[in-house]
Amino acid sequence: MSWRKSTYSSGGEGDTCVEIAELPTQIAVRDSKAPHRATLSFPTPAFTALITHLKGHPSWNSESP
């Protein structure tokens, strides 16, 4: 399984993030500071919907005050 994290996590306090791994029908998510601990798995469509929702939320928009 190949894990990756957002490029946004590399600056500042970037040690507080999650990593994802793309599987055939699911997205696995884990804590980057504790990769040996529990992993959550979400159906790909549900994870995609979550990310789409979060990207549209004003508090996640880098141009918001």
C-alpha atoms as a PDB file:
ATOM      1  CA  MET A   1       0.000   0.000   0.000  1.00  0.00           C
ATOM      2  CA  SER A   2       1.377   3.404  -0.961  1.00  0.00           C
ATOM      3  CA  TRP A   3       0.601   6.234   1.476  1.00  0.00           C
ATOM      4  CA  ARG A   4       0.695   9.959   0.683  1.00  0.00           C
ATOM      5  CA  LYS A   5      -0.170  13.216   2.401  1.00  0.00           C
ATOM      6  CA  SER A   6      -1.114  16.663   1.212  1.00  0.00           C
ATOM      7  CA  THR A   7       1.601  19.026   0.070  1.00  0.00           C
ATOM      8  CA  TYR A   8      -0.009  21.568   2.427  1.00  0.00           C
ATOM      9  CA  SER A   9       1.253  19.523   5.371  1.00  0.00           C
ATOM     10  CA  SER A  10       4.916  20.254   4.672  1.00  0.00           C
ATOM     11  CA  GLY A  11       4.976  23.823   5.988  1.00  0.00           C
ATOM     12  CA  GLY A  12       4.521  25.324   9.422  1.00  0.00           C
ATOM     13  CA  GLU A  13       3.061  22.835  11.841  1.00  0.00           C
ATOM     14  CA  GLY A  14       2.715  20.199   9.151  1.00  0.00           C
ATOM     15  CA  ASP A  15       3.199  17.263  11.468  1.00  0.00           C
ATOM     16  CA  THR A  16      -0.508  17.210  12.295  1.00  0.00           C
ATOM     17  CA  CYS A  17      -2.049  15.571   9.279  1.00  0.00           C
ATOM     18  CA  VAL A  18      -3.419  12.386   7.834  1.00  0.00           C
ATOM     19  CA  GLU A  19      -2.154  10.186   5.042  1.00  0.00           C
ATOM     20  CA  ILE A  20      -4.280   8.411   2.459  1.00  0.00           C
ATOM     21  CA  ALA A  21      -3.825   5.296   0.374  1.00  0.00           C
ATOM     22  CA  GLU A  22      -5.945   4.596  -2.683  1.00  0.00           C
ATOM     23  CA  LEU A  23      -7.260   1.039  -2.843  1.00  0.00           C
ATOM     24  CA  PRO A  24      -9.369  -0.471  -5.654  1.00  0.00           C
ATOM     25  CA  THR A  25     -12.721   0.456  -4.063  1.00  0.00           C
ATOM     26  CA  GLN A  26     -11.767   2.363  -0.907  1.00  0.00           C
ATOM     27  CA  ILE A  27      -9.602   5.139   0.467  1.00  0.00           C
ATOM     28  CA  ALA A  28      -7.641   4.270   3.603  1.00  0.00           C
ATOM     29  CA  VAL A  29      -6.815   7.080   6.053  1.00  0.00           C
ATOM     30  CA  ARG A  30      -4.292   7.054   8.902  1.00  0.00           C
ATOM     31  CA  ASP A  31      -2.606   9.470  11.307  1.00  0.00           C
ATOM     32  CA  SER A  32       0.809  10.448   9.938  1.00  0.00           C
ATOM     33  CA  LYS A  33       2.239  10.729  13.462  1.00  0.00           C
ATOM     34  CA  ALA A  34       1.075   7.227  14.413  1.00  0.00           C
ATOM     35  CA  PRO A  35       1.036   5.139  11.223  1.00  0.00           C
ATOM     36  CA  HIS A  36       1.109   1.880  13.188  1.00  0.00           C
ATOM     37  CA  ARG A  37      -2.234   2.637  14.853  1.00  0.00           C
ATOM     38  CA  ALA A  38      -5.770   2.228  13.501  1.00  0.00           C
ATOM     39  CA  THR A  39      -6.606   2.902   9.866  1.00  0.00           C
ATOM     40  CA  LEU A  40     -10.010   4.072   8.670  1.00  0.00           C
ATOM     41  CA  SER A  41     -11.394   2.971   5.305  1.00  0.00           C
ATOM     42  CA  PHE A  42     -14.078   4.768   3.322  1.00  0.00           C
ATOM     43  CA  PRO A  43     -15.777   3.824   0.053  1.00  0.00           C
ATOM     44  CA  THR A  44     -14.158   5.931  -2.672  1.00  0.00           C
ATOM     45  CA  PRO A  45     -17.384   7.814  -3.588  1.00  0.00           C
ATOM     46  CA  ALA A  46     -17.998   8.749   0.069  1.00  0.00           C
ATOM     47  CA  PHE A  47     -14.433   9.991   0.559  1.00  0.00           C
ATOM     48  CA  THR A  48     -14.593  11.978  -2.687  1.00  0.00           C
ATOM     49  CA  ALA A  49     -17.866  13.590  -1.572  1.00  0.00           C
ATOM     50  CA  LEU A  50     -16.323  14.510   1.794  1.00  0.00           C
ATOM     51  CA  ILE A  51     -13.283  16.163   0.193  1.00  0.00           C
ATOM     52  CA  THR A  52     -15.486  18.020  -2.308  1.00  0.00           C
ATOM     53  CA  HIS A  53     -17.643  19.294   0.560  1.00  0.00           C
ATOM     54  CA  LEU A  54     -14.635  20.388   2.618  1.00  0.00           C
ATOM     55  CA  LYS A  55     -13.054  22.216  -0.320  1.00  0.00           C
ATOM     56  CA  GLY A  56     -16.277  24.195  -0.750  1.00  0.00           C
ATOM     57  CA  HIS A  57     -16.505  25.142   2.929  1.00  0.00           C
ATOM     58  CA  PRO A  58     -15.466  28.773   3.590  1.00  0.00           C
ATOM     59  CA  SER A  59     -13.136  27.884   6.467  1.00  0.00           C
ATOM     60  CA  TRP A  60     -11.064  25.716   4.093  1.00  0.00           C
ATOM     61  CA  ASN A  61     -10.750  28.434   1.476  1.00  0.00           C
ATOM     62  CA  SER A  62      -7.303  30.037   1.713  1.00  0.00           C
ATOM     63  CA  GLU A  63      -8.741  33.354   0.537  1.00  0.00           C
ATOM     64  CA  SER A  64     -11.176  33.575   3.467  1.00  0.00           C
ATOM     65  CA  PRO A  65     -10.349  35.834   6.423  1.00  0.00           C
END
